[in-house]
C-alpha cells in the first residue's frame, strides 16, 4: 500500500487519539506520528503510581498498547480500524522519572493481522532509561458496526 492509499493517516491518528478517554485520563499526549511509528508521552503523576511510588504496570501497558495500536493505524487503509487482540509486556526497570515516552513501531504489517513492538522509557536528568518492552498483535477491522477508524 502506498503512502497516498492510506489517506491522511496522521490526522486520523490524532483524531482517534483525542477520542481516547483512557489516554486523556492519564495525561498522555501524542508527540510523534510517522509511517509505522507513534510516540506517546506523559508526565509523572503520583496518581498513576503503585504502592512503591513508581509508575503502575497497568499505566505502562496501556500507553504501550496505545502507541502500538496507533502505529498500526498508520499502515492500514482509511476505511479500516484496529483492535488489539494480544500483547505481552516485559517490565525491565522501575518506572521512575519526570516524564515517560512510549514508542510503538510496526514489526510486520499485514492486511488482517499486524505485529508491533513497543518500548517504554523513563526520562529524567541524563539519558532515557528503558523500563518496558511490548510485543502486540493487532487485528484490522473492516465493516464492523460501532468500530470505525
C-alpha atoms as a PDB file:
ATOM      1  CA  UNK A   1       0.000   0.000   0.000  1.00  0.00           C
ATOM      2  CA  UNK A   2       1.452   3.361  -0.966  1.00  0.00           C
ATOM      3  CA  UNK A   3       1.632   6.481   1.196  1.00  0.00           C
ATOM      4  CA  UNK A   4      -1.259   8.056  -0.722  1.00  0.00           C
ATOM      5  CA  UNK A   5      -3.512   4.993  -0.358  1.00  0.00           C
ATOM      6  CA  UNK A   6      -3.555   5.426   3.425  1.00  0.00           C
ATOM      7  CA  UNK A   7      -5.018   8.920   3.163  1.00  0.00           C
ATOM      8  CA  UNK A   8      -4.069  11.410   5.835  1.00  0.00           C
ATOM      9  CA  UNK A   9      -3.149   8.844   8.483  1.00  0.00           C
ATOM     10  CA  UNK A  10      -1.549  11.497  10.730  1.00  0.00           C
ATOM     11  CA  UNK A  11      -4.792  13.465  11.026  1.00  0.00           C
ATOM     12  CA  UNK A  12      -6.807  10.264  11.528  1.00  0.00           C
ATOM     13  CA  UNK A  13      -4.470   9.085  14.310  1.00  0.00           C
ATOM     14  CA  UNK A  14      -4.626  12.497  16.008  1.00  0.00           C
ATOM     15  CA  UNK A  15      -8.449  12.481  15.825  1.00  0.00           C
ATOM     16  CA  UNK A  16      -8.669   8.958  17.264  1.00  0.00           C
ATOM     17  CA  UNK A  17      -6.150   9.736  20.000  1.00  0.00           C
ATOM     18  CA  UNK A  18      -8.241  12.772  21.011  1.00  0.00           C
ATOM     19  CA  UNK A  19     -11.293  10.470  21.296  1.00  0.00           C
ATOM     20  CA  UNK A  20      -9.486   8.002  23.569  1.00  0.00           C
ATOM     21  CA  UNK A  21     -10.599   8.858  27.098  1.00  0.00           C
ATOM     22  CA  UNK A  22      -8.098   6.473  28.710  1.00  0.00           C
ATOM     23  CA  UNK A  23      -5.123   8.448  27.390  1.00  0.00           C
ATOM     24  CA  UNK A  24      -6.766  11.741  28.424  1.00  0.00           C
ATOM     25  CA  UNK A  25      -7.312  10.347  31.923  1.00  0.00           C
ATOM     26  CA  UNK A  26      -3.615   9.599  32.428  1.00  0.00           C
ATOM     27  CA  UNK A  27      -2.479  12.901  30.907  1.00  0.00           C
ATOM     28  CA  UNK A  28      -0.827  11.349  27.844  1.00  0.00           C
ATOM     29  CA  UNK A  29      -0.063  13.319  24.706  1.00  0.00           C
ATOM     30  CA  UNK A  30       0.684  12.223  21.174  1.00  0.00           C
ATOM     31  CA  UNK A  31       4.148  13.577  20.352  1.00  0.00           C
ATOM     32  CA  UNK A  32       5.200  11.780  17.147  1.00  0.00           C
ATOM     33  CA  UNK A  33       3.214  10.283  14.277  1.00  0.00           C
ATOM     34  CA  UNK A  34       5.090   8.796  11.330  1.00  0.00           C
ATOM     35  CA  UNK A  35       4.501   5.895   8.967  1.00  0.00           C
ATOM     36  CA  UNK A  36       4.937   2.828  11.209  1.00  0.00           C
ATOM     37  CA  UNK A  37       5.955   4.759  14.347  1.00  0.00           C
ATOM     38  CA  UNK A  38       3.963   6.557  17.053  1.00  0.00           C
ATOM     39  CA  UNK A  39       5.192   8.110  20.295  1.00  0.00           C
ATOM     40  CA  UNK A  40       3.121   8.979  23.334  1.00  0.00           C
ATOM     41  CA  UNK A  41       4.471  10.880  26.327  1.00  0.00           C
ATOM     42  CA  UNK A  42       3.139  11.544  29.786  1.00  0.00           C
ATOM     43  CA  UNK A  43       4.400  13.391  32.830  1.00  0.00           C
ATOM     44  CA  UNK A  44       4.966  11.712  36.164  1.00  0.00           C
ATOM     45  CA  UNK A  45       1.841  11.908  38.316  1.00  0.00           C
ATOM     46  CA  UNK A  46       1.599  10.350  41.770  1.00  0.00           C
ATOM     47  CA  UNK A  47      -1.996   9.331  40.928  1.00  0.00           C
ATOM     48  CA  UNK A  48      -0.571   6.881  38.359  1.00  0.00           C
ATOM     49  CA  UNK A  49       1.782   5.063  40.734  1.00  0.00           C
ATOM     50  CA  UNK A  50       1.563   1.840  42.654  1.00  0.00           C
ATOM     51  CA  UNK A  51       2.295   1.460  46.377  1.00  0.00           C
ATOM     52  CA  UNK A  52       6.062   1.996  45.992  1.00  0.00           C
ATOM     53  CA  UNK A  53       5.670   5.312  44.190  1.00  0.00           C
ATOM     54  CA  UNK A  54       6.660   4.062  40.731  1.00  0.00           C
ATOM     55  CA  UNK A  55       4.561   4.182  37.570  1.00  0.00           C
ATOM     56  CA  UNK A  56       1.987   1.392  37.716  1.00  0.00           C
ATOM     57  CA  UNK A  57       2.425  -1.535  35.305  1.00  0.00           C
ATOM     58  CA  UNK A  58      -1.152  -1.056  34.085  1.00  0.00           C
ATOM     59  CA  UNK A  59      -0.382   2.516  33.015  1.00  0.00           C
ATOM     60  CA  UNK A  60       2.797   1.386  31.258  1.00  0.00           C
ATOM     61  CA  UNK A  61       0.875  -1.385  29.479  1.00  0.00           C
ATOM     62  CA  UNK A  62      -1.960   0.933  28.435  1.00  0.00           C
ATOM     63  CA  UNK A  63       0.420   3.530  26.999  1.00  0.00           C
ATOM     64  CA  UNK A  64       2.441   0.899  25.111  1.00  0.00           C
ATOM     65  CA  UNK A  65      -0.762  -0.679  23.766  1.00  0.00           C
ATOM     66  CA  UNK A  66      -1.966   2.705  22.509  1.00  0.00           C
ATOM     67  CA  UNK A  67       1.391   3.566  20.927  1.00  0.00           C
ATOM     68  CA  UNK A  68       1.485   0.220  19.104  1.00  0.00           C
ATOM     69  CA  UNK A  69      -2.179   0.399  18.129  1.00  0.00           C
ATOM     70  CA  UNK A  70      -1.862   3.885  16.681  1.00  0.00           C
ATOM     71  CA  UNK A  71       1.313   2.872  14.832  1.00  0.00           C
ATOM     72  CA  UNK A  72      -0.826   0.152  13.225  1.00  0.00           C
ATOM     73  CA  UNK A  73      -3.313   2.803  12.080  1.00  0.00           C
ATOM     74  CA  UNK A  74      -0.518   4.350  10.011  1.00  0.00           C
ATOM     75  CA  UNK A  75      -0.214   1.273   7.778  1.00  0.00           C
ATOM     76  CA  UNK A  76      -3.900   0.473   7.078  1.00  0.00           C
ATOM     77  CA  UNK A  77      -6.414   1.845   4.612  1.00  0.00           C
ATOM     78  CA  UNK A  78      -8.571   4.801   5.745  1.00  0.00           C
ATOM     79  CA  UNK A  79     -11.796   2.737   5.983  1.00  0.00           C
ATOM     80  CA  UNK A  80     -10.300   0.194   8.403  1.00  0.00           C
ATOM     81  CA  UNK A  81      -9.786   0.284  12.152  1.00  0.00           C
ATOM     82  CA  UNK A  82      -7.584  -1.549  14.668  1.00  0.00           C
ATOM     83  CA  UNK A  83      -8.250  -3.662  17.749  1.00  0.00           C
ATOM     84  CA  UNK A  84      -5.547  -5.232  19.908  1.00  0.00           C
ATOM     85  CA  UNK A  85      -6.035  -8.977  20.188  1.00  0.00           C
ATOM     86  CA  UNK A  86      -2.925  -9.908  22.223  1.00  0.00           C
ATOM     87  CA  UNK A  87       0.107  -8.388  23.883  1.00  0.00           C
ATOM     88  CA  UNK A  88       2.975  -9.269  26.181  1.00  0.00           C
ATOM     89  CA  UNK A  89       4.778  -6.700  28.302  1.00  0.00           C
ATOM     90  CA  UNK A  90       8.199  -7.109  29.896  1.00  0.00           C
ATOM     91  CA  UNK A  91       8.795  -4.731  32.803  1.00  0.00           C
ATOM     92  CA  UNK A  92      12.557  -4.257  32.881  1.00  0.00           C
ATOM     93  CA  UNK A  93      13.143  -1.453  35.338  1.00  0.00           C
ATOM     94  CA  UNK A  94      11.060   0.550  37.820  1.00  0.00           C
ATOM     95  CA  UNK A  95       9.049   3.373  36.283  1.00  0.00           C
ATOM     96  CA  UNK A  96      10.826   6.284  37.942  1.00  0.00           C
ATOM     97  CA  UNK A  97      11.179   9.523  36.024  1.00  0.00           C
ATOM     98  CA  UNK A  98       9.914  13.043  35.451  1.00  0.00           C
ATOM     99  CA  UNK A  99       8.343  12.008  32.119  1.00  0.00           C
ATOM    100  CA  UNK A 100       7.754   8.807  30.215  1.00  0.00           C
ATOM    101  CA  UNK A 101       7.969   8.080  26.498  1.00  0.00           C
ATOM    102  CA  UNK A 102       6.196   5.146  24.859  1.00  0.00           C
ATOM    103  CA  UNK A 103       7.127   4.280  21.272  1.00  0.00           C
ATOM    104  CA  UNK A 104       5.203   1.829  19.099  1.00  0.00           C
ATOM    105  CA  UNK A 105       6.740   0.529  15.865  1.00  0.00           C
ATOM    106  CA  UNK A 106       5.336  -1.783  13.247  1.00  0.00           C
ATOM    107  CA  UNK A 107       7.316  -5.011  13.017  1.00  0.00           C
ATOM    108  CA  UNK A 108       5.134  -6.806  10.461  1.00  0.00           C
ATOM    109  CA  UNK A 109       2.334  -5.056   8.606  1.00  0.00           C
ATOM    110  CA  UNK A 110      -0.492  -7.123   7.167  1.00  0.00           C
ATOM    111  CA  UNK A 111      -3.961  -6.874   5.664  1.00  0.00           C
ATOM    112  CA  UNK A 112      -5.621  -8.708   8.586  1.00  0.00           C
ATOM    113  CA  UNK A 113      -3.043  -9.050  11.375  1.00  0.00           C
ATOM    114  CA  UNK A 114      -0.322  -6.546  12.286  1.00  0.00           C
ATOM    115  CA  UNK A 115       2.517  -7.126  14.751  1.00  0.00           C
ATOM    116  CA  UNK A 116       4.016  -4.163  16.593  1.00  0.00           C
ATOM    117  CA  UNK A 117       6.765  -3.740  19.157  1.00  0.00           C
ATOM    118  CA  UNK A 118       6.810  -1.060  21.805  1.00  0.00           C
ATOM    119  CA  UNK A 119       9.382   0.384  24.144  1.00  0.00           C
ATOM    120  CA  UNK A 120       8.779   2.494  27.248  1.00  0.00           C
ATOM    121  CA  UNK A 121      11.358   4.909  28.615  1.00  0.00           C
ATOM    122  CA  UNK A 122      11.670   6.921  31.820  1.00  0.00           C
ATOM    123  CA  UNK A 123      13.077  10.400  31.243  1.00  0.00           C
ATOM    124  CA  UNK A 124      14.813  12.493  33.901  1.00  0.00           C
ATOM    125  CA  UNK A 125      18.205  14.156  34.017  1.00  0.00           C
ATOM    126  CA  UNK A 126      20.554  12.113  31.866  1.00  0.00           C
ATOM    127  CA  UNK A 127      19.802   9.538  29.191  1.00  0.00           C
ATOM    128  CA  UNK A 128      16.382   7.934  28.830  1.00  0.00           C
ATOM    129  CA  UNK A 129      16.106   4.591  30.635  1.00  0.00           C
ATOM    130  CA  UNK A 130      14.338   1.601  29.071  1.00  0.00           C
ATOM    131  CA  UNK A 131      11.683   0.453  31.544  1.00  0.00           C
ATOM    132  CA  UNK A 132       9.468  -1.848  29.459  1.00  0.00           C
ATOM    133  CA  UNK A 133       9.003  -3.578  26.134  1.00  0.00           C
ATOM    134  CA  UNK A 134       5.892  -4.940  24.477  1.00  0.00           C
ATOM    135  CA  UNK A 135       5.003  -7.118  21.528  1.00  0.00           C
ATOM    136  CA  UNK A 136       1.429  -6.742  20.393  1.00  0.00           C
ATOM    137  CA  UNK A 137      -0.834  -8.251  17.780  1.00  0.00           C
ATOM    138  CA  UNK A 138      -3.471  -6.058  16.208  1.00  0.00           C
ATOM    139  CA  UNK A 139      -6.407  -7.096  14.055  1.00  0.00           C
ATOM    140  CA  UNK A 140      -7.512  -4.937  11.143  1.00  0.00           C
ATOM    141  CA  UNK A 141     -11.266  -4.381  11.402  1.00  0.00           C
ATOM    142  CA  UNK A 142     -13.441  -3.558   8.384  1.00  0.00           C
ATOM    143  CA  UNK A 143     -17.203  -3.161   8.182  1.00  0.00           C
ATOM    144  CA  UNK A 144     -17.975  -3.894  11.833  1.00  0.00           C
ATOM    145  CA  UNK A 145     -20.790  -1.870  13.348  1.00  0.00           C
ATOM    146  CA  UNK A 146     -19.656   0.501  16.083  1.00  0.00           C
ATOM    147  CA  UNK A 147     -15.944   0.194  15.247  1.00  0.00           C
ATOM    148  CA  UNK A 148     -14.751   2.901  12.926  1.00  0.00           C
ATOM    149  CA  UNK A 149     -11.322   4.374  12.407  1.00  0.00           C
END
